[in-house]
Amino acid sequence: MQYRTLGRTNLKISDVGYGAWGIGKSQWIGADDRESLASLKAARDHGVNFFDTALAYGDGHSEKLINQAFGKDREIVIASKIPPINRVWGIGPGSPIQETFPKKYVLECLDESLSNLGRDQIDLMQFHTWIDDWATDAEWLSTVEKMKKSGKVRFIGISVQSHLPNMVLKGIATGQVDSIQVIHNIFDQSPEDQLFPACEKHNIGVIVRVPFDEGALTGKITPDTQFPEGDFRHFYFSGDRKQEVWEHVQAISEDLNIDIAELPEYALRYCLSFPAVSTVIPGMRNARHVQSNAAASDKGPLSPDIVRKLHAHRWTRNYWQ
């Protein structure tokens, strides 16, 4: 396992981290707590020391499992997120921050997450959505100051809205933000345009989420794949989307002359090919996923030639709509 520094923080984190949405059970059908705990411990055994969770992942269930797995182990770095009070993640321009992150509510969520995690301080607390209208908002700035002065938070981050990486450019220029979490993968290469250079300029850590595009870039989503009702992928890959995904994945396989089974490794290594990226956080709900994902770290970034080839597979679309 390789390690990188999270921006201007002093946190040395595994460049392949653990995305803990799936183990929260909400929106993912089939998660099993025993298997989830085994995967958490397997990740640690493979050198993973960065675990990203959120209060919204199963109403704290994901946080509680991390606590159950690791207790007060201070060698691991934990990041969590404060959900919007109205549970609306797609915020439109002009929306007041009081409708999403009122100060009293944010501080209450922080305490709830700390209780779930069994800790008196969290390494990184992130706002679970964002619009740049809030960058100079007095209440937000006051809230961040209060969080840091309380000693309950070491660093502050923002999780950017899906497929809107430029929505946080003003936020990172405030000096109040230590990290950004953003969707980045072979299909959605948009953070490379402006966000990554801005993060390097301001020395902001970058946490890449959805490196497999919710499973599309594992090569396991075929036109015949079925997801049960209640699993978000039932909607995400609805209609003709599975066929579209399969055609794009086949094109990547042919272009790189690789087997489809190798695609997950290439997907992770693609994200790690950018110096701005501190870590990539795939979901890994079982020990098999852990082993294959951790192995990608040891192989390191892709060659510039392969990255250039993959740039041709940029695919602009938003399946959340």
Protein backbone atom coordinates (compact mmCIF):
# COMPACT_ATOMS: atom_id res chain seq x y z
CA MET A 1 0.00 0.00 0.00
CA GLN A 2 1.22 3.47 -0.94
CA TYR A 3 0.52 6.63 1.07
CA ARG A 4 0.01 10.29 0.23
CA THR A 5 -0.45 13.44 2.29
CA LEU A 6 -3.97 14.85 2.37
CA GLY A 7 -3.31 18.33 1.01
CA ARG A 8 -1.92 20.76 3.58
CA THR A 9 -2.83 18.53 6.50
CA ASN A 10 -0.24 16.32 8.14
CA LEU A 11 -2.38 13.25 7.54
CA LYS A 12 -0.58 10.43 5.72
CA ILE A 13 -3.33 8.32 4.21
CA SER A 14 -3.45 5.21 2.04
CA ASP A 15 -3.93 6.18 -1.59
CA VAL A 16 -6.65 3.54 -1.75
CA GLY A 17 -9.10 4.23 1.05
CA TYR A 18 -12.34 2.60 2.14
CA GLY A 19 -15.65 4.04 0.97
CA ALA A 20 -18.18 3.03 3.63
CA TRP A 21 -21.49 3.96 1.98
CA GLY A 22 -22.34 0.38 1.02
CA ILE A 23 -21.90 -1.06 4.52
CA GLY A 24 -24.46 1.42 5.87
CA LYS A 25 -27.09 -0.71 4.09
CA SER A 26 -29.25 2.27 3.08
CA GLN A 27 -29.84 2.16 -0.70
CA TRP A 28 -27.61 -0.91 -1.07
CA ILE A 29 -29.39 -4.25 -0.97
CA GLY A 30 -27.51 -7.27 0.32
CA ALA A 31 -25.03 -5.74 2.77
CA ASP A 32 -24.35 -8.05 5.72
CA ASP A 33 -22.84 -6.70 8.95
CA ARG A 34 -20.59 -9.71 9.54
CA GLU A 35 -19.21 -9.47 6.02
CA SER A 36 -18.87 -5.70 6.37
CA LEU A 37 -16.86 -6.02 9.58
CA ALA A 38 -14.66 -8.64 7.94
CA SER A 39 -14.03 -6.30 5.00
CA LEU A 40 -13.14 -3.41 7.32
CA LYS A 41 -10.59 -5.53 9.16
CA ALA A 42 -9.24 -6.97 5.90
CA ALA A 43 -8.75 -3.44 4.59
CA ARG A 44 -6.70 -2.56 7.66
CA ASP A 45 -4.64 -5.75 7.22
CA HIS A 46 -3.89 -4.67 3.64
CA GLY A 47 -2.59 -1.27 4.77
CA VAL A 48 -5.73 0.85 4.32
CA ASN A 49 -5.78 3.56 7.00
CA PHE A 50 -8.36 5.98 5.55
CA PHE A 51 -12.05 5.27 6.08
CA ASP A 52 -14.71 7.58 4.66
CA THR A 53 -18.23 7.38 6.08
CA ALA A 54 -21.21 9.68 6.71
CA LEU A 55 -23.99 10.18 9.20
CA ALA A 56 -26.48 9.60 6.38
CA TYR A 57 -25.12 6.13 5.59
CA GLY A 58 -27.79 4.07 7.30
CA ASP A 59 -28.56 6.83 9.83
CA GLY A 60 -25.16 6.30 11.46
CA HIS A 61 -24.96 2.52 10.93
CA SER A 62 -21.80 2.79 8.82
CA GLU A 63 -20.13 4.94 11.50
CA LYS A 64 -21.10 2.43 14.21
CA LEU A 65 -19.60 -0.47 12.24
CA ILE A 66 -16.31 1.41 11.92
CA ASN A 67 -16.38 1.95 15.68
CA GLN A 68 -17.10 -1.74 16.21
CA ALA A 69 -14.22 -2.74 13.95
CA PHE A 70 -11.56 -0.36 15.25
CA GLY A 71 -12.64 1.18 18.54
CA LYS A 72 -10.30 3.98 19.50
CA ASP A 73 -7.46 2.91 17.19
CA ARG A 74 -5.78 6.26 16.48
CA GLU A 75 -3.68 4.90 13.64
CA ILE A 76 -6.65 5.02 11.31
CA VAL A 77 -7.92 8.26 9.79
CA ILE A 78 -11.69 8.70 9.78
CA ALA A 79 -13.66 11.12 7.64
CA SER A 80 -17.40 11.58 7.99
CA LYS A 81 -20.03 13.94 6.61
CA ILE A 82 -22.85 16.14 7.87
CA PRO A 83 -26.03 15.55 5.84
CA PRO A 84 -28.24 18.43 4.72
CA ILE A 85 -31.00 18.99 7.26
CA ASN A 86 -33.66 18.71 4.55
CA ARG A 87 -31.92 15.67 2.98
CA VAL A 88 -31.72 17.50 -0.34
CA TRP A 89 -28.31 16.87 -1.88
CA GLY A 90 -28.95 18.60 -5.21
CA ILE A 91 -28.90 22.24 -4.09
CA GLY A 92 -29.77 24.93 -6.62
CA PRO A 93 -28.00 28.29 -6.89
CA GLY A 94 -29.29 30.94 -4.52
CA SER A 95 -30.45 28.54 -1.83
CA PRO A 96 -29.72 29.96 1.65
CA ILE A 97 -27.38 27.89 3.80
CA GLN A 98 -29.88 28.01 6.68
CA GLU A 99 -32.12 25.63 4.70
CA THR A 100 -29.31 23.09 4.43
CA PHE A 101 -26.71 23.56 7.17
CA PRO A 102 -28.03 25.74 10.03
CA LYS A 103 -25.31 26.17 12.64
CA LYS A 104 -27.07 24.49 15.58
CA TYR A 105 -27.93 21.47 13.45
CA VAL A 106 -24.36 21.10 12.13
CA LEU A 107 -22.95 21.05 15.65
CA GLU A 108 -25.56 18.50 16.75
CA CYS A 109 -24.65 16.24 13.81
CA LEU A 110 -20.99 16.49 14.72
CA ASP A 111 -21.75 15.28 18.24
CA GLU A 112 -23.92 12.46 16.91
CA SER A 113 -21.18 11.25 14.56
CA LEU A 114 -18.61 11.36 17.34
CA SER A 115 -20.92 9.28 19.52
CA ASN A 116 -21.42 6.73 16.73
CA LEU A 117 -17.68 6.53 16.14
CA GLY A 118 -16.84 6.33 19.85
CA ARG A 119 -14.46 9.26 19.55
CA ASP A 120 -14.02 12.70 21.05
CA GLN A 121 -12.39 14.05 17.87
CA ILE A 122 -12.78 13.28 14.17
CA ASP A 123 -9.94 13.71 11.70
CA LEU A 124 -12.02 15.15 8.86
CA MET A 125 -15.62 16.36 8.90
CA GLN A 126 -17.15 17.19 5.52
CA PHE A 127 -20.25 19.04 4.45
CA HIS A 128 -22.19 16.46 2.43
CA THR A 129 -23.24 18.89 -0.32
CA TRP A 130 -22.29 22.38 -1.41
CA ILE A 131 -22.91 25.44 -3.56
CA ASP A 132 -20.39 28.25 -3.88
CA ASP A 133 -22.98 30.84 -2.81
CA TRP A 134 -22.10 29.80 0.74
CA ALA A 135 -18.35 30.44 0.47
CA THR A 136 -18.57 33.91 2.04
CA ASP A 137 -21.68 33.31 4.15
CA ALA A 138 -21.12 34.60 7.68
CA GLU A 139 -23.05 31.75 9.30
CA TRP A 140 -21.04 29.08 7.49
CA LEU A 141 -17.74 30.76 8.36
CA SER A 142 -18.86 31.04 11.99
CA THR A 143 -19.90 27.38 12.03
CA VAL A 144 -16.53 26.22 10.70
CA GLU A 145 -14.71 28.37 13.25
CA LYS A 146 -16.83 26.92 16.06
CA MET A 147 -16.18 23.35 14.87
CA LYS A 148 -12.42 23.84 14.82
CA LYS A 149 -12.23 25.72 18.14
CA SER A 150 -14.26 23.00 19.85
CA GLY A 151 -11.40 20.57 19.38
CA LYS A 152 -13.86 17.99 18.04
CA VAL A 153 -12.65 18.38 14.43
CA ARG A 154 -9.11 18.41 13.10
CA PHE A 155 -9.88 19.37 9.52
CA ILE A 156 -12.84 20.52 7.41
CA GLY A 157 -13.85 19.22 3.99
CA ILE A 158 -16.55 19.56 1.36
CA SER A 159 -18.18 16.75 -0.61
CA VAL A 160 -19.09 18.25 -3.98
CA GLN A 161 -22.42 17.65 -5.68
CA SER A 162 -22.44 14.87 -8.25
CA HIS A 163 -20.82 15.86 -11.55
CA LEU A 164 -20.44 19.54 -10.52
CA PRO A 165 -16.74 19.82 -9.62
CA ASN A 166 -16.49 23.53 -10.35
CA MET A 167 -19.21 24.29 -7.79
CA VAL A 168 -16.55 24.44 -5.07
CA LEU A 169 -13.87 26.68 -6.60
CA LYS A 170 -14.83 29.66 -4.41
CA GLY A 171 -15.06 27.44 -1.36
CA ILE A 172 -11.48 26.21 -1.60
CA ALA A 173 -10.23 29.77 -2.03
CA THR A 174 -11.60 30.77 1.41
CA GLY A 175 -8.77 29.12 3.31
CA GLN A 176 -11.31 27.32 5.50
CA VAL A 177 -11.40 24.06 3.57
CA ASP A 178 -8.74 21.36 3.84
CA SER A 179 -10.10 18.75 1.44
CA ILE A 180 -12.55 18.18 -1.40
CA GLN A 181 -14.40 14.97 -2.18
CA VAL A 182 -15.46 14.64 -5.79
CA ILE A 183 -16.63 12.14 -8.40
CA HIS A 184 -13.78 11.32 -10.74
CA ASN A 185 -13.36 8.32 -13.00
CA ILE A 186 -12.57 7.29 -16.56
CA PHE A 187 -15.99 8.50 -17.69
CA ASP A 188 -16.27 11.68 -15.59
CA GLN A 189 -12.93 13.40 -16.14
CA SER A 190 -14.30 16.90 -15.51
CA PRO A 191 -12.39 17.55 -12.23
CA GLU A 192 -9.19 17.51 -14.26
CA ASP A 193 -10.21 20.70 -16.08
CA GLN A 194 -10.32 23.25 -13.25
CA LEU A 195 -10.72 21.60 -9.85
CA PHE A 196 -7.50 19.60 -9.73
CA PRO A 197 -5.32 22.58 -10.73
CA ALA A 198 -7.10 24.77 -8.16
CA CYS A 199 -6.58 22.18 -5.43
CA GLU A 200 -2.88 21.94 -6.26
CA LYS A 201 -2.61 25.74 -6.16
CA HIS A 202 -4.23 25.97 -2.71
CA ASN A 203 -2.74 22.67 -1.45
CA ILE A 204 -6.18 21.14 -0.89
CA GLY A 205 -6.48 17.38 -0.48
CA VAL A 206 -8.61 15.53 -3.03
CA ILE A 207 -10.66 12.47 -2.13
CA VAL A 208 -11.97 10.72 -5.23
CA ARG A 209 -15.28 8.91 -4.90
CA VAL A 210 -17.20 6.71 -7.37
CA PRO A 211 -14.07 5.52 -9.24
CA PHE A 212 -16.08 2.62 -10.67
CA ASP A 213 -19.09 4.76 -11.66
CA GLU A 214 -21.34 2.83 -9.25
CA GLY A 215 -20.11 -0.45 -10.73
CA ALA A 216 -20.10 0.40 -14.44
CA LEU A 217 -16.30 0.43 -14.59
CA THR A 218 -15.98 -2.95 -12.94
CA GLY A 219 -17.16 -4.48 -16.22
CA LYS A 220 -19.79 -6.47 -14.35
CA ILE A 221 -22.81 -4.43 -15.48
CA THR A 222 -24.17 -6.13 -18.58
CA PRO A 223 -27.42 -5.54 -20.50
CA ASP A 224 -28.93 -8.47 -18.55
CA THR A 225 -27.92 -7.32 -15.05
CA GLN A 226 -30.87 -6.90 -12.67
CA PHE A 227 -30.98 -4.92 -9.43
CA PRO A 228 -33.71 -5.36 -6.80
CA GLU A 229 -36.26 -2.67 -5.97
CA GLY A 230 -34.88 -0.44 -3.23
CA ASP A 231 -31.30 -0.65 -4.47
CA PHE A 232 -30.35 2.74 -5.94
CA ARG A 233 -28.73 0.99 -8.90
CA HIS A 234 -32.20 -0.15 -10.00
CA PHE A 235 -32.76 3.50 -10.97
CA TYR A 236 -29.17 4.45 -11.76
CA PHE A 237 -28.91 1.77 -14.47
CA SER A 238 -32.52 1.95 -15.65
CA GLY A 239 -33.80 1.94 -19.24
CA ASP A 240 -31.08 1.58 -21.88
CA ARG A 241 -28.31 2.63 -19.51
CA LYS A 242 -26.89 -0.86 -18.94
CA GLN A 243 -26.53 -1.32 -22.69
CA GLU A 244 -24.83 2.08 -22.99
CA VAL A 245 -22.43 1.25 -20.17
CA TRP A 246 -21.60 -2.14 -21.66
CA GLU A 247 -20.76 -0.62 -25.04
CA HIS A 248 -18.47 1.99 -23.46
CA VAL A 249 -16.74 -0.60 -21.30
CA GLN A 250 -16.16 -2.86 -24.30
CA ALA A 251 -14.59 0.08 -26.15
CA ILE A 252 -12.15 0.69 -23.29
CA SER A 253 -11.21 -2.99 -23.17
CA GLU A 254 -10.52 -3.05 -26.90
CA ASP A 255 -8.61 0.23 -26.90
CA LEU A 256 -6.28 -0.85 -24.09
CA ASN A 257 -6.16 -4.48 -25.23
CA ILE A 258 -7.07 -5.71 -21.75
CA ASP A 259 -9.54 -8.23 -20.44
CA ILE A 260 -12.72 -6.83 -18.90
CA ALA A 261 -11.67 -8.41 -15.58
CA GLU A 262 -8.68 -6.03 -15.48
CA LEU A 263 -10.83 -2.93 -15.77
CA PRO A 264 -11.33 -2.26 -12.01
CA GLU A 265 -7.56 -2.09 -11.53
CA TYR A 266 -7.18 0.34 -14.42
CA ALA A 267 -10.09 2.43 -13.11
CA LEU A 268 -8.41 2.92 -9.73
CA ARG A 269 -4.96 3.50 -11.19
CA TYR A 270 -6.41 6.09 -13.57
CA CYS A 271 -7.57 8.19 -10.60
CA LEU A 272 -4.20 7.75 -8.90
CA SER A 273 -2.41 9.04 -12.01
CA PHE A 274 -3.13 12.66 -11.01
CA PRO A 275 -0.84 14.31 -8.42
CA ALA A 276 -3.75 16.35 -7.03
CA VAL A 277 -5.45 13.17 -5.83
CA SER A 278 -4.70 12.15 -2.25
CA THR A 279 -6.80 8.99 -2.14
CA VAL A 280 -9.50 7.11 -4.01
CA ILE A 281 -12.29 5.47 -1.98
CA PRO A 282 -14.00 2.55 -3.71
CA GLY A 283 -16.69 0.68 -1.87
CA MET A 284 -15.51 -2.78 -0.82
CA ARG A 285 -18.17 -4.70 1.01
CA ASN A 286 -16.24 -7.96 1.19
CA ALA A 287 -12.68 -9.19 1.62
CA ARG A 288 -12.37 -10.11 -2.07
CA HIS A 289 -12.99 -6.50 -3.07
CA VAL A 290 -10.44 -5.36 -0.49
CA GLN A 291 -7.70 -7.59 -1.86
CA SER A 292 -8.16 -6.55 -5.49
CA ASN A 293 -8.53 -2.84 -4.73
CA ALA A 294 -5.52 -2.73 -2.42
CA ALA A 295 -3.40 -4.43 -5.09
CA ALA A 296 -4.03 -1.49 -7.43
CA SER A 297 -2.12 0.78 -5.06
CA ASP A 298 1.04 -1.31 -5.32
CA LYS A 299 0.97 -1.08 -9.12
CA GLY A 300 0.88 2.70 -8.99
CA PRO A 301 -0.31 5.27 -11.55
CA LEU A 302 -0.83 4.42 -15.20
CA SER A 303 1.67 5.45 -17.84
CA PRO A 304 1.07 8.80 -19.58
CA ASP A 305 0.34 6.93 -22.81
CA ILE A 306 -2.45 4.92 -21.23
CA VAL A 307 -3.89 8.01 -19.54
CA ARG A 308 -3.99 9.72 -22.93
CA LYS A 309 -5.83 6.76 -24.41
CA LEU A 310 -8.37 6.84 -21.61
CA HIS A 311 -8.96 10.54 -22.13
CA ALA A 312 -10.66 9.55 -25.39
CA HIS A 313 -13.29 7.68 -23.32
CA ARG A 314 -14.56 10.74 -21.49
CA TRP A 315 -18.33 10.40 -21.32
CA THR A 316 -20.43 13.35 -20.24
CA ARG A 317 -23.75 12.30 -18.70
CA ASN A 318 -25.49 12.28 -15.31
CA TYR A 319 -27.34 9.10 -14.42
CA TRP A 320 -28.58 10.68 -11.20
CA GLN A 321 -31.05 12.73 -13.21
